Every structure is written in C-alpha cells, then in structure tokens.
C-alpha cells in the first residue's frame, strides 16, 4: 500500500473525502496541467503575433511599391505639363488670335481655319 492509500484509509481521514497526501498529488497534477495549457496558449499567442507582424510587413511592402509607382507617375505628369507649357508658349508667339484684342481683331476663328487650309 502507498502512503496515500494508507493515510486515506486511516480512521482519522475516514470523515474527510480526500486525504492530505492525495490532495498534494492532485494539486501537482492540476498545476502541471495548468502550466502545460498555459505553455500551449503562449505558443499560440506568439504564433499569432508573428503572423500579424508578417502580414503588416507584407502590407507595408505593397504600400511602398505603390508609393514608388505613384511618385514615378507624378514625375511623368510634371514632365508632360512642362512640355505642354513649352508647346503652348511657342504657339502663343505665332498665334494671330493671341496678338489682337477681340474688339479690334478682324480675324475670327472660322476665317483663321479657312486661311490655314
């Protein structure tokens, strides 16, 4: 017989449902189970945290790529605007409509088109 069995069967412990020796063993079992459960929960938590960090890193990379693409597009549009402004400036120097006031100009847009054809 083990110490637990003999102490549980003693006349003193007949009144109590659980003996002191058995209770200590049960406490250890509960403690070990709780620790194991906590260890597993901590592992899951760390795994979820790592997955969230990985997702955020991927999202950050995608946003940085998009930002670079948009910056290139802005640069391209600025260059197009500069070229169009130069073209407009060159055109304005030779445009007959731009050099006369509307009140005194005898050339109307329709006649300018007819003359250029």
C-alpha atoms as a PDB file:
ATOM      1  CA  UNK A   1       0.000   0.000   0.000  1.00  0.00           C
ATOM      2  CA  UNK A   2       1.226   3.502  -0.760  1.00  0.00           C
ATOM      3  CA  UNK A   3       1.452   6.265   1.794  1.00  0.00           C
ATOM      4  CA  UNK A   4      -1.575   7.902   0.234  1.00  0.00           C
ATOM      5  CA  UNK A   5      -3.644   4.737   0.390  1.00  0.00           C
ATOM      6  CA  UNK A   6      -2.701   4.011   3.981  1.00  0.00           C
ATOM      7  CA  UNK A   7      -3.294   7.581   5.117  1.00  0.00           C
ATOM      8  CA  UNK A   8      -6.629   7.711   3.295  1.00  0.00           C
ATOM      9  CA  UNK A   9      -7.755   4.526   4.998  1.00  0.00           C
ATOM     10  CA  UNK A  10      -6.764   5.667   8.475  1.00  0.00           C
ATOM     11  CA  UNK A  11      -9.600   6.248  10.934  1.00  0.00           C
ATOM     12  CA  UNK A  12      -8.790   9.975  11.144  1.00  0.00           C
ATOM     13  CA  UNK A  13      -9.328  10.556   7.433  1.00  0.00           C
ATOM     14  CA  UNK A  14     -12.458   8.460   7.056  1.00  0.00           C
ATOM     15  CA  UNK A  15     -14.508  11.587   7.678  1.00  0.00           C
ATOM     16  CA  UNK A  16     -12.744  13.705   5.008  1.00  0.00           C
ATOM     17  CA  UNK A  17     -13.348  12.952   1.343  1.00  0.00           C
ATOM     18  CA  UNK A  18      -9.728  13.485   0.260  1.00  0.00           C
ATOM     19  CA  UNK A  19      -6.647  12.801   2.304  1.00  0.00           C
ATOM     20  CA  UNK A  20      -3.736  15.225   2.650  1.00  0.00           C
ATOM     21  CA  UNK A  21      -1.299  13.039   0.689  1.00  0.00           C
ATOM     22  CA  UNK A  22      -3.692  12.525  -2.201  1.00  0.00           C
ATOM     23  CA  UNK A  23      -4.621  16.196  -2.207  1.00  0.00           C
ATOM     24  CA  UNK A  24      -0.973  17.221  -2.710  1.00  0.00           C
ATOM     25  CA  UNK A  25      -0.658  14.866  -5.645  1.00  0.00           C
ATOM     26  CA  UNK A  26      -3.853  16.228  -7.193  1.00  0.00           C
ATOM     27  CA  UNK A  27      -2.589  19.794  -6.701  1.00  0.00           C
ATOM     28  CA  UNK A  28       0.624  18.889  -8.516  1.00  0.00           C
ATOM     29  CA  UNK A  29      -1.351  17.326 -11.354  1.00  0.00           C
ATOM     30  CA  UNK A  30      -3.566  20.409 -11.649  1.00  0.00           C
ATOM     31  CA  UNK A  31      -0.508  22.663 -11.545  1.00  0.00           C
ATOM     32  CA  UNK A  32       1.237  20.643 -14.264  1.00  0.00           C
ATOM     33  CA  UNK A  33      -1.878  20.618 -16.437  1.00  0.00           C
ATOM     34  CA  UNK A  34      -2.339  24.353 -15.944  1.00  0.00           C
ATOM     35  CA  UNK A  35       1.314  25.008 -16.828  1.00  0.00           C
ATOM     36  CA  UNK A  36       1.065  22.856 -19.960  1.00  0.00           C
ATOM     37  CA  UNK A  37      -2.149  24.580 -21.005  1.00  0.00           C
ATOM     38  CA  UNK A  38      -0.542  27.968 -20.383  1.00  0.00           C
ATOM     39  CA  UNK A  39       2.565  26.953 -22.381  1.00  0.00           C
ATOM     40  CA  UNK A  40       0.419  25.904 -25.350  1.00  0.00           C
ATOM     41  CA  UNK A  41      -1.620  29.120 -25.131  1.00  0.00           C
ATOM     42  CA  UNK A  42       1.585  31.185 -25.031  1.00  0.00           C
ATOM     43  CA  UNK A  43       2.911  29.361 -28.113  1.00  0.00           C
ATOM     44  CA  UNK A  44      -0.325  30.042 -29.987  1.00  0.00           C
ATOM     45  CA  UNK A  45      -0.231  33.681 -28.943  1.00  0.00           C
ATOM     46  CA  UNK A  46       3.373  34.086 -30.133  1.00  0.00           C
ATOM     47  CA  UNK A  47       2.499  32.384 -33.431  1.00  0.00           C
ATOM     48  CA  UNK A  48      -0.483  34.720 -33.993  1.00  0.00           C
ATOM     49  CA  UNK A  49       1.682  37.725 -33.139  1.00  0.00           C
ATOM     50  CA  UNK A  50       4.329  36.600 -35.649  1.00  0.00           C
ATOM     51  CA  UNK A  51       1.670  36.070 -38.322  1.00  0.00           C
ATOM     52  CA  UNK A  52       0.245  39.553 -37.699  1.00  0.00           C
ATOM     53  CA  UNK A  53       3.736  41.050 -37.948  1.00  0.00           C
ATOM     54  CA  UNK A  54       4.339  39.180 -41.220  1.00  0.00           C
ATOM     55  CA  UNK A  55       1.046  40.452 -42.660  1.00  0.00           C
ATOM     56  CA  UNK A  56       1.865  44.013 -41.634  1.00  0.00           C
ATOM     57  CA  UNK A  57       5.304  43.706 -43.217  1.00  0.00           C
ATOM     58  CA  UNK A  58       3.778  42.466 -46.488  1.00  0.00           C
ATOM     59  CA  UNK A  59       1.211  45.275 -46.454  1.00  0.00           C
ATOM     60  CA  UNK A  60       3.978  47.790 -45.822  1.00  0.00           C
ATOM     61  CA  UNK A  61       5.981  46.444 -48.781  1.00  0.00           C
ATOM     62  CA  UNK A  62       2.941  46.683 -51.069  1.00  0.00           C
ATOM     63  CA  UNK A  63       2.234  50.255 -49.955  1.00  0.00           C
ATOM     64  CA  UNK A  64       5.859  51.253 -50.518  1.00  0.00           C
ATOM     65  CA  UNK A  65       5.738  49.777 -54.043  1.00  0.00           C
ATOM     66  CA  UNK A  66       2.510  51.653 -54.759  1.00  0.00           C
ATOM     67  CA  UNK A  67       4.019  54.853 -53.384  1.00  0.00           C
ATOM     68  CA  UNK A  68       7.077  54.498 -55.664  1.00  0.00           C
ATOM     69  CA  UNK A  69       4.785  53.889 -58.662  1.00  0.00           C
ATOM     70  CA  UNK A  70       2.684  56.969 -57.839  1.00  0.00           C
ATOM     71  CA  UNK A  71       5.815  59.110 -57.431  1.00  0.00           C
ATOM     72  CA  UNK A  72       7.016  57.995 -60.886  1.00  0.00           C
ATOM     73  CA  UNK A  73       3.584  58.874 -62.292  1.00  0.00           C
ATOM     74  CA  UNK A  74       3.705  62.325 -60.653  1.00  0.00           C
ATOM     75  CA  UNK A  75       7.181  62.906 -62.121  1.00  0.00           C
ATOM     76  CA  UNK A  76       5.931  61.843 -65.546  1.00  0.00           C
ATOM     77  CA  UNK A  77       2.924  64.164 -65.309  1.00  0.00           C
ATOM     78  CA  UNK A  78       5.143  67.077 -64.249  1.00  0.00           C
ATOM     79  CA  UNK A  79       7.347  66.437 -67.284  1.00  0.00           C
ATOM     80  CA  UNK A  80       4.281  66.290 -69.550  1.00  0.00           C
ATOM     81  CA  UNK A  81       2.995  69.548 -68.051  1.00  0.00           C
ATOM     82  CA  UNK A  82       6.374  71.209 -68.661  1.00  0.00           C
ATOM     83  CA  UNK A  83       6.435  70.061 -72.289  1.00  0.00           C
ATOM     84  CA  UNK A  84       2.848  71.202 -72.895  1.00  0.00           C
ATOM     85  CA  UNK A  85       3.601  74.585 -71.326  1.00  0.00           C
ATOM     86  CA  UNK A  86       6.604  74.985 -73.643  1.00  0.00           C
ATOM     87  CA  UNK A  87       4.483  73.974 -76.637  1.00  0.00           C
ATOM     88  CA  UNK A  88       1.766  76.431 -75.649  1.00  0.00           C
ATOM     89  CA  UNK A  89       4.333  79.191 -75.152  1.00  0.00           C
ATOM     90  CA  UNK A  90       5.797  78.540 -78.607  1.00  0.00           C
ATOM     91  CA  UNK A  91       2.319  78.506 -80.136  1.00  0.00           C
ATOM     92  CA  UNK A  92       1.266  81.754 -78.443  1.00  0.00           C
ATOM     93  CA  UNK A  93       4.121  83.658 -80.096  1.00  0.00           C
ATOM     94  CA  UNK A  94       2.788  82.850 -83.560  1.00  0.00           C
ATOM     95  CA  UNK A  95      -0.959  82.675 -82.889  1.00  0.00           C
ATOM     96  CA  UNK A  96      -2.780  85.560 -84.660  1.00  0.00           C
ATOM     97  CA  UNK A  97      -5.721  85.314 -82.265  1.00  0.00           C
ATOM     98  CA  UNK A  98      -3.473  85.891 -79.253  1.00  0.00           C
ATOM     99  CA  UNK A  99      -1.990  89.120 -80.708  1.00  0.00           C
ATOM    100  CA  UNK A 100      -5.202  91.037 -81.302  1.00  0.00           C
ATOM    101  CA  UNK A 101      -7.864  92.217 -78.931  1.00  0.00           C
ATOM    102  CA  UNK A 102     -11.298  90.731 -79.525  1.00  0.00           C
ATOM    103  CA  UNK A 103     -12.840  94.137 -80.174  1.00  0.00           C
ATOM    104  CA  UNK A 104     -10.343  95.174 -82.854  1.00  0.00           C
ATOM    105  CA  UNK A 105      -9.465  91.813 -84.372  1.00  0.00           C
ATOM    106  CA  UNK A 106     -10.904  91.271 -87.842  1.00  0.00           C
ATOM    107  CA  UNK A 107      -9.951  87.610 -87.980  1.00  0.00           C
ATOM    108  CA  UNK A 108     -12.471  85.272 -86.451  1.00  0.00           C
ATOM    109  CA  UNK A 109     -11.544  81.670 -85.580  1.00  0.00           C
ATOM    110  CA  UNK A 110     -13.556  80.384 -88.571  1.00  0.00           C
ATOM    111  CA  UNK A 111     -11.632  82.568 -91.015  1.00  0.00           C
ATOM    112  CA  UNK A 112      -8.307  81.615 -89.439  1.00  0.00           C
ATOM    113  CA  UNK A 113      -9.112  77.947 -90.013  1.00  0.00           C
ATOM    114  CA  UNK A 114     -10.184  78.666 -93.610  1.00  0.00           C
ATOM    115  CA  UNK A 115      -6.960  80.591 -94.319  1.00  0.00           C
ATOM    116  CA  UNK A 116      -4.719  77.871 -92.915  1.00  0.00           C
ATOM    117  CA  UNK A 117      -6.296  75.173 -95.126  1.00  0.00           C
END
